[in-house]
N, C-alpha and C. Protein backbone atom coordinates (compact mmCIF):
# COMPACT_ATOMS: atom_id res chain seq x y z
N MET A 1 0.85 -1.18 0.00
CA MET A 1 0.00 0.00 0.00
C MET A 1 0.90 1.25 0.00
N PRO A 2 0.68 2.16 -0.96
CA PRO A 2 1.51 3.36 -1.00
C PRO A 2 1.23 4.28 0.20
N SER A 3 2.23 5.03 0.58
CA SER A 3 2.06 5.97 1.70
C SER A 3 1.18 7.14 1.27
N LEU A 4 0.72 7.88 2.23
CA LEU A 4 -0.08 9.07 1.94
C LEU A 4 0.74 10.05 1.11
N SER A 5 2.02 10.20 1.43
CA SER A 5 2.89 11.10 0.67
C SER A 5 2.97 10.67 -0.79
N GLU A 6 3.19 9.38 -1.01
CA GLU A 6 3.28 8.89 -2.39
C GLU A 6 1.99 9.14 -3.15
N THR A 7 0.87 9.02 -2.48
CA THR A 7 -0.42 9.19 -3.14
C THR A 7 -0.76 10.66 -3.39
N LEU A 8 -0.72 11.48 -2.34
CA LEU A 8 -1.16 12.87 -2.47
C LEU A 8 -0.17 13.75 -3.21
N LEU A 9 1.10 13.37 -3.21
CA LEU A 9 2.10 14.20 -3.88
C LEU A 9 2.40 13.72 -5.30
N ASP A 10 1.72 12.66 -5.72
CA ASP A 10 1.87 12.17 -7.08
C ASP A 10 1.49 13.30 -8.05
N ALA A 11 2.26 13.42 -9.11
CA ALA A 11 2.05 14.51 -10.08
C ALA A 11 0.62 14.54 -10.63
N SER A 12 -0.01 13.38 -10.73
CA SER A 12 -1.37 13.34 -11.28
C SER A 12 -2.43 13.87 -10.31
N LYS A 13 -2.10 13.98 -9.03
CA LYS A 13 -3.08 14.41 -8.03
C LYS A 13 -2.71 15.71 -7.32
N LYS A 14 -1.45 16.07 -7.33
CA LYS A 14 -0.96 17.15 -6.47
C LYS A 14 -1.70 18.46 -6.68
N GLU A 15 -1.93 18.86 -7.92
CA GLU A 15 -2.61 20.15 -8.18
C GLU A 15 -4.03 20.14 -7.64
N ALA A 16 -4.75 19.03 -7.79
CA ALA A 16 -6.11 18.93 -7.26
C ALA A 16 -6.10 18.97 -5.73
N VAL A 17 -5.11 18.36 -5.12
CA VAL A 17 -4.98 18.37 -3.66
C VAL A 17 -4.73 19.80 -3.19
N ILE A 18 -3.85 20.52 -3.86
CA ILE A 18 -3.58 21.92 -3.49
C ILE A 18 -4.84 22.76 -3.61
N THR A 19 -5.55 22.62 -4.71
CA THR A 19 -6.79 23.38 -4.91
C THR A 19 -7.80 23.07 -3.82
N ASP A 20 -7.95 21.80 -3.48
CA ASP A 20 -8.88 21.42 -2.42
C ASP A 20 -8.43 21.94 -1.05
N CYS A 21 -7.13 21.99 -0.81
CA CYS A 21 -6.62 22.54 0.45
C CYS A 21 -6.95 24.03 0.57
N VAL A 22 -6.77 24.77 -0.50
CA VAL A 22 -7.09 26.20 -0.49
C VAL A 22 -8.59 26.39 -0.25
N SER A 23 -9.41 25.60 -0.91
CA SER A 23 -10.86 25.67 -0.70
C SER A 23 -11.23 25.33 0.74
N LEU A 24 -10.56 24.34 1.32
CA LEU A 24 -10.79 23.96 2.71
C LEU A 24 -10.44 25.12 3.64
N ILE A 25 -9.31 25.75 3.42
CA ILE A 25 -8.90 26.89 4.25
C ILE A 25 -9.91 28.02 4.12
N ASP A 26 -10.30 28.35 2.89
CA ASP A 26 -11.29 29.41 2.68
C ASP A 26 -12.60 29.10 3.42
N ALA A 27 -13.07 27.86 3.33
CA ALA A 27 -14.31 27.46 4.00
C ALA A 27 -14.19 27.55 5.51
N GLU A 28 -13.07 27.11 6.04
CA GLU A 28 -12.86 27.18 7.49
C GLU A 28 -12.83 28.62 7.97
N VAL A 29 -12.15 29.48 7.24
CA VAL A 29 -12.11 30.90 7.63
C VAL A 29 -13.51 31.51 7.54
N ASP A 30 -14.23 31.20 6.47
CA ASP A 30 -15.59 31.72 6.31
C ASP A 30 -16.51 31.29 7.45
N ASP A 31 -16.28 30.12 7.99
CA ASP A 31 -17.13 29.59 9.07
C ASP A 31 -16.89 30.25 10.42
N LYS A 32 -15.79 30.97 10.57
CA LYS A 32 -15.46 31.57 11.86
C LYS A 32 -16.40 32.72 12.18
N SER A 33 -16.72 32.85 13.47
CA SER A 33 -17.62 33.92 13.88
C SER A 33 -17.13 34.50 15.21
N GLY A 34 -17.78 35.55 15.64
CA GLY A 34 -17.43 36.19 16.90
C GLY A 34 -16.17 37.02 16.78
N ILE A 35 -15.67 37.43 17.93
CA ILE A 35 -14.49 38.29 17.96
C ILE A 35 -13.26 37.55 17.42
N SER A 36 -13.07 36.30 17.85
CA SER A 36 -11.91 35.56 17.35
C SER A 36 -12.06 35.29 15.85
N GLY A 37 -13.28 35.05 15.41
CA GLY A 37 -13.52 34.85 13.98
C GLY A 37 -13.19 36.09 13.17
N PHE A 38 -13.55 37.24 13.74
CA PHE A 38 -13.22 38.50 13.08
C PHE A 38 -11.71 38.65 12.95
N ALA A 39 -10.97 38.32 14.00
CA ALA A 39 -9.51 38.42 13.97
C ALA A 39 -8.91 37.47 12.94
N ILE A 40 -9.45 36.26 12.87
CA ILE A 40 -8.95 35.28 11.90
C ILE A 40 -9.23 35.76 10.49
N LYS A 41 -10.45 36.23 10.25
CA LYS A 41 -10.81 36.72 8.92
C LYS A 41 -9.95 37.91 8.52
N ALA A 42 -9.71 38.81 9.47
CA ALA A 42 -8.88 39.98 9.17
C ALA A 42 -7.45 39.56 8.88
N GLY A 43 -6.91 38.67 9.69
CA GLY A 43 -5.55 38.19 9.46
C GLY A 43 -5.41 37.47 8.13
N TYR A 44 -6.40 36.66 7.79
CA TYR A 44 -6.38 35.93 6.53
C TYR A 44 -6.43 36.90 5.35
N LYS A 45 -7.25 37.93 5.49
CA LYS A 45 -7.36 38.94 4.43
C LYS A 45 -6.02 39.65 4.24
N VAL A 46 -5.34 39.96 5.34
CA VAL A 46 -4.02 40.60 5.26
C VAL A 46 -3.04 39.70 4.53
N VAL A 47 -3.00 38.43 4.93
CA VAL A 47 -2.06 37.50 4.31
C VAL A 47 -2.39 37.31 2.84
N LYS A 48 -3.67 37.19 2.49
CA LYS A 48 -4.06 37.02 1.08
C LYS A 48 -3.73 38.27 0.27
N GLY A 49 -3.77 39.44 0.93
CA GLY A 49 -3.51 40.69 0.24
C GLY A 49 -2.04 40.93 -0.06
N ILE A 50 -1.15 40.17 0.52
CA ILE A 50 0.28 40.36 0.29
C ILE A 50 0.58 40.24 -1.21
N LYS A 51 0.05 39.21 -1.82
CA LYS A 51 0.15 39.07 -3.27
C LYS A 51 -0.86 38.02 -3.72
N PRO A 52 -1.41 38.20 -4.91
CA PRO A 52 -2.36 37.21 -5.42
C PRO A 52 -1.72 35.83 -5.49
N GLY A 53 -2.47 34.83 -5.08
CA GLY A 53 -1.96 33.47 -5.13
C GLY A 53 -1.06 33.09 -3.96
N PHE A 54 -0.94 33.97 -2.96
CA PHE A 54 -0.04 33.70 -1.84
C PHE A 54 -0.45 32.44 -1.09
N ILE A 55 -1.74 32.28 -0.81
CA ILE A 55 -2.21 31.12 -0.05
C ILE A 55 -1.94 29.84 -0.84
N LYS A 56 -2.26 29.85 -2.12
CA LYS A 56 -2.02 28.66 -2.95
C LYS A 56 -0.54 28.31 -2.97
N GLN A 57 0.32 29.33 -3.09
CA GLN A 57 1.76 29.07 -3.11
C GLN A 57 2.23 28.53 -1.76
N ALA A 58 1.70 29.09 -0.68
CA ALA A 58 2.07 28.61 0.65
C ALA A 58 1.66 27.16 0.84
N VAL A 59 0.44 26.83 0.41
CA VAL A 59 -0.04 25.44 0.50
C VAL A 59 0.86 24.54 -0.33
N SER A 60 1.17 24.96 -1.54
CA SER A 60 2.01 24.16 -2.42
C SER A 60 3.39 23.93 -1.80
N ASP A 61 3.94 24.98 -1.21
CA ASP A 61 5.26 24.87 -0.59
C ASP A 61 5.26 23.96 0.64
N MET A 62 4.17 24.02 1.42
CA MET A 62 4.14 23.27 2.67
C MET A 62 3.49 21.90 2.56
N LEU A 63 2.81 21.64 1.45
CA LEU A 63 2.10 20.36 1.30
C LEU A 63 2.98 19.14 1.57
N PRO A 64 4.19 19.06 1.02
CA PRO A 64 5.01 17.88 1.32
C PRO A 64 5.26 17.68 2.82
N ASP A 65 5.49 18.77 3.54
CA ASP A 65 5.72 18.67 4.98
C ASP A 65 4.44 18.28 5.73
N PHE A 66 3.31 18.85 5.31
CA PHE A 66 2.03 18.48 5.94
C PHE A 66 1.73 17.00 5.73
N VAL A 67 1.89 16.54 4.50
CA VAL A 67 1.58 15.14 4.19
C VAL A 67 2.53 14.21 4.93
N LYS A 68 3.80 14.60 5.00
CA LYS A 68 4.78 13.79 5.75
C LYS A 68 4.37 13.70 7.23
N ALA A 69 3.88 14.82 7.78
CA ALA A 69 3.44 14.83 9.18
C ALA A 69 2.21 13.95 9.38
N LEU A 70 1.36 13.87 8.35
CA LEU A 70 0.14 13.06 8.43
C LEU A 70 0.37 11.58 8.12
N ASP A 71 1.46 11.27 7.44
CA ASP A 71 1.73 9.89 7.02
C ASP A 71 1.53 8.85 8.13
N PRO A 72 2.19 9.00 9.29
CA PRO A 72 2.03 7.97 10.32
C PRO A 72 0.61 7.92 10.90
N LEU A 73 -0.05 9.05 10.94
CA LEU A 73 -1.42 9.09 11.45
C LEU A 73 -2.39 8.42 10.47
N TYR A 74 -2.17 8.67 9.20
CA TYR A 74 -3.00 8.04 8.18
C TYR A 74 -2.76 6.52 8.16
N ALA A 75 -1.50 6.13 8.30
CA ALA A 75 -1.18 4.70 8.35
C ALA A 75 -1.86 4.04 9.55
N ASP A 76 -1.88 4.75 10.68
CA ASP A 76 -2.55 4.24 11.87
C ASP A 76 -4.05 4.08 11.61
N ALA A 77 -4.64 5.07 10.95
CA ALA A 77 -6.07 4.99 10.61
C ALA A 77 -6.34 3.77 9.72
N LYS A 78 -5.50 3.59 8.72
CA LYS A 78 -5.69 2.46 7.80
C LYS A 78 -5.51 1.13 8.53
N SER A 79 -4.56 1.08 9.47
CA SER A 79 -4.33 -0.17 10.21
C SER A 79 -5.54 -0.53 11.07
N GLN A 80 -6.33 0.48 11.41
CA GLN A 80 -7.56 0.27 12.19
C GLN A 80 -8.80 0.20 11.29
N ASN A 81 -8.57 0.18 9.99
CA ASN A 81 -9.67 0.17 9.00
C ASN A 81 -10.62 1.34 9.18
N LYS A 82 -10.06 2.50 9.49
CA LYS A 82 -10.87 3.71 9.66
C LYS A 82 -10.52 4.71 8.58
N PRO A 83 -11.53 5.39 8.04
CA PRO A 83 -11.22 6.47 7.10
C PRO A 83 -10.64 7.66 7.87
N ALA A 84 -9.85 8.46 7.19
CA ALA A 84 -9.29 9.66 7.81
C ALA A 84 -10.39 10.57 8.33
N ALA A 85 -11.53 10.59 7.66
CA ALA A 85 -12.65 11.44 8.08
C ALA A 85 -13.15 11.07 9.47
N ASP A 86 -12.96 9.84 9.89
CA ASP A 86 -13.32 9.43 11.25
C ASP A 86 -12.12 9.52 12.20
N TYR A 87 -10.96 9.08 11.71
CA TYR A 87 -9.77 9.00 12.54
C TYR A 87 -9.24 10.38 12.95
N PHE A 88 -9.15 11.30 12.00
CA PHE A 88 -8.56 12.60 12.31
C PHE A 88 -9.33 13.33 13.42
N PRO A 89 -10.66 13.47 13.33
CA PRO A 89 -11.38 14.14 14.42
C PRO A 89 -11.30 13.38 15.75
N ALA A 90 -11.29 12.06 15.68
CA ALA A 90 -11.22 11.26 16.92
C ALA A 90 -9.86 11.37 17.59
N ASN A 91 -8.85 11.77 16.85
CA ASN A 91 -7.49 11.95 17.37
C ASN A 91 -7.04 13.39 17.13
N SER A 92 -7.95 14.30 17.38
CA SER A 92 -7.76 15.69 16.97
C SER A 92 -6.51 16.35 17.55
N SER A 93 -6.22 16.10 18.81
CA SER A 93 -5.06 16.75 19.43
C SER A 93 -3.76 16.30 18.75
N LYS A 94 -3.64 15.00 18.53
CA LYS A 94 -2.43 14.45 17.91
C LYS A 94 -2.28 14.94 16.46
N VAL A 95 -3.38 14.96 15.72
CA VAL A 95 -3.33 15.38 14.32
C VAL A 95 -3.02 16.89 14.24
N ALA A 96 -3.68 17.68 15.07
CA ALA A 96 -3.44 19.13 15.07
C ALA A 96 -1.99 19.43 15.43
N ASP A 97 -1.46 18.75 16.43
CA ASP A 97 -0.06 18.97 16.82
C ASP A 97 0.90 18.65 15.67
N ALA A 98 0.61 17.58 14.95
CA ALA A 98 1.46 17.20 13.81
C ALA A 98 1.45 18.30 12.74
N LEU A 99 0.27 18.80 12.42
CA LEU A 99 0.17 19.85 11.40
C LEU A 99 0.79 21.17 11.87
N LEU A 100 0.54 21.52 13.12
CA LEU A 100 1.08 22.78 13.64
C LEU A 100 2.60 22.75 13.80
N SER A 101 3.17 21.57 13.95
CA SER A 101 4.64 21.50 14.00
C SER A 101 5.23 21.99 12.67
N VAL A 102 4.51 21.75 11.59
CA VAL A 102 4.95 22.20 10.27
C VAL A 102 4.85 23.72 10.16
N THR A 103 3.70 24.28 10.54
CA THR A 103 3.53 25.74 10.41
C THR A 103 4.42 26.49 11.39
N ASP A 104 4.61 25.95 12.58
CA ASP A 104 5.50 26.60 13.54
C ASP A 104 6.93 26.67 12.99
N ALA A 105 7.40 25.59 12.41
CA ALA A 105 8.75 25.57 11.84
C ALA A 105 8.86 26.57 10.69
N ARG A 106 7.83 26.64 9.87
CA ARG A 106 7.84 27.59 8.76
C ARG A 106 7.80 29.02 9.27
N ALA A 107 6.99 29.29 10.26
CA ALA A 107 6.87 30.65 10.79
C ALA A 107 8.20 31.14 11.35
N GLU A 108 8.98 30.23 11.89
CA GLU A 108 10.30 30.60 12.41
C GLU A 108 11.21 31.13 11.29
N ARG A 109 11.00 30.62 10.09
CA ARG A 109 11.90 30.96 8.97
C ARG A 109 11.34 32.02 8.02
N VAL A 110 10.09 32.42 8.19
CA VAL A 110 9.46 33.34 7.24
C VAL A 110 10.15 34.70 7.25
N LYS A 111 10.25 35.29 6.07
CA LYS A 111 10.94 36.58 5.94
C LYS A 111 9.99 37.76 6.09
N SER A 112 8.73 37.58 5.71
CA SER A 112 7.75 38.66 5.76
C SER A 112 7.35 38.96 7.20
N GLY A 113 7.62 40.18 7.63
CA GLY A 113 7.23 40.58 8.98
C GLY A 113 5.73 40.55 9.19
N VAL A 114 4.97 40.90 8.14
CA VAL A 114 3.51 40.90 8.24
C VAL A 114 2.99 39.48 8.46
N VAL A 115 3.50 38.54 7.69
CA VAL A 115 3.08 37.14 7.83
C VAL A 115 3.47 36.62 9.20
N LYS A 116 4.69 36.88 9.61
CA LYS A 116 5.18 36.39 10.90
C LYS A 116 4.36 36.96 12.05
N SER A 117 4.10 38.26 12.06
CA SER A 117 3.35 38.87 13.17
C SER A 117 1.89 38.41 13.16
N THR A 118 1.31 38.23 11.98
CA THR A 118 -0.06 37.73 11.90
C THR A 118 -0.13 36.31 12.45
N TYR A 119 0.83 35.46 12.08
CA TYR A 119 0.86 34.09 12.58
C TYR A 119 1.00 34.08 14.10
N GLU A 120 1.89 34.90 14.62
CA GLU A 120 2.11 34.95 16.07
C GLU A 120 0.85 35.38 16.81
N LYS A 121 0.10 36.32 16.23
CA LYS A 121 -1.14 36.78 16.87
C LYS A 121 -2.21 35.68 16.89
N LEU A 122 -2.23 34.88 15.84
CA LEU A 122 -3.28 33.86 15.71
C LEU A 122 -2.87 32.50 16.28
N ARG A 123 -1.60 32.31 16.59
CA ARG A 123 -1.10 30.99 16.99
C ARG A 123 -1.77 30.45 18.26
N SER A 124 -2.11 31.33 19.21
CA SER A 124 -2.68 30.84 20.46
C SER A 124 -4.01 30.12 20.26
N SER A 125 -4.74 30.49 19.23
CA SER A 125 -6.02 29.83 18.96
C SER A 125 -5.92 28.82 17.82
N ALA A 126 -4.72 28.63 17.31
CA ALA A 126 -4.55 27.79 16.12
C ALA A 126 -4.97 26.34 16.34
N LYS A 127 -4.63 25.75 17.49
CA LYS A 127 -4.91 24.33 17.68
C LYS A 127 -6.41 24.05 17.62
N LYS A 128 -7.21 24.88 18.30
CA LYS A 128 -8.66 24.63 18.25
C LYS A 128 -9.20 24.84 16.84
N ASN A 129 -8.61 25.76 16.09
CA ASN A 129 -9.06 25.98 14.71
C ASN A 129 -8.65 24.84 13.80
N VAL A 130 -7.45 24.31 14.00
CA VAL A 130 -7.02 23.16 13.21
C VAL A 130 -7.89 21.96 13.56
N GLU A 131 -8.15 21.76 14.83
CA GLU A 131 -9.01 20.64 15.24
C GLU A 131 -10.40 20.76 14.61
N ALA A 132 -10.92 21.98 14.52
CA ALA A 132 -12.24 22.19 13.92
C ALA A 132 -12.24 21.85 12.43
N ALA A 133 -11.09 21.96 11.79
CA ALA A 133 -10.98 21.68 10.35
C ALA A 133 -10.77 20.21 10.03
N LEU A 134 -10.52 19.38 11.04
CA LEU A 134 -10.14 18.00 10.78
C LEU A 134 -11.23 17.16 10.10
N PRO A 135 -12.52 17.37 10.37
CA PRO A 135 -13.50 16.60 9.58
C PRO A 135 -13.39 16.88 8.08
N ARG A 136 -13.25 18.15 7.72
CA ARG A 136 -13.08 18.49 6.30
C ARG A 136 -11.76 17.94 5.76
N LEU A 137 -10.70 18.07 6.54
CA LEU A 137 -9.41 17.58 6.09
C LEU A 137 -9.45 16.06 5.88
N GLY A 138 -10.05 15.36 6.83
CA GLY A 138 -10.15 13.90 6.69
C GLY A 138 -10.91 13.49 5.44
N LYS A 139 -12.02 14.17 5.16
CA LYS A 139 -12.80 13.87 3.94
C LYS A 139 -11.97 14.14 2.70
N MET A 140 -11.22 15.26 2.71
CA MET A 140 -10.40 15.59 1.55
C MET A 140 -9.29 14.55 1.35
N VAL A 141 -8.66 14.13 2.44
CA VAL A 141 -7.61 13.10 2.35
C VAL A 141 -8.20 11.80 1.81
N ASP A 142 -9.35 11.41 2.34
CA ASP A 142 -9.99 10.18 1.86
C ASP A 142 -10.32 10.27 0.36
N LYS A 143 -10.79 11.43 -0.06
CA LYS A 143 -11.14 11.64 -1.47
C LYS A 143 -9.93 11.41 -2.37
N HIS A 144 -8.79 11.97 -2.01
CA HIS A 144 -7.62 11.90 -2.87
C HIS A 144 -6.77 10.64 -2.65
N ALA A 145 -6.89 10.03 -1.48
CA ALA A 145 -6.07 8.85 -1.19
C ALA A 145 -6.70 7.55 -1.69
N SER A 146 -7.97 7.60 -2.04
CA SER A 146 -8.63 6.36 -2.48
C SER A 146 -8.53 6.16 -3.97
């Protein structure tokens, strides 16, 4: 059985995976409400305004690291005969930590002060937001991995 990395990063699927990831991020941001939702939407708008296609490029650049972080979790799901759509939310803390380890490492190296400061402002609430996105992420992974 091929790994999640081999499947999602395959040239025949990678562009569709990136497009679906951007759509997932847009949907998650759109779903946010309240004061924290306003902050997330404002921060996202700032980051998107840096240059057209910035989010897509960021996803494309980080996708290999995200998929590598998800590989052992996806393998664990498969070993339990569970789809990612069920496994990821049921193991939300572990999955969120794996994904955030990627963004934290990237944020340390980012050159744009605007991106770095926006990330730092939003990082404290990031885990709960990533956990909230896991049902959508699991469905997307299942869609492309099958």
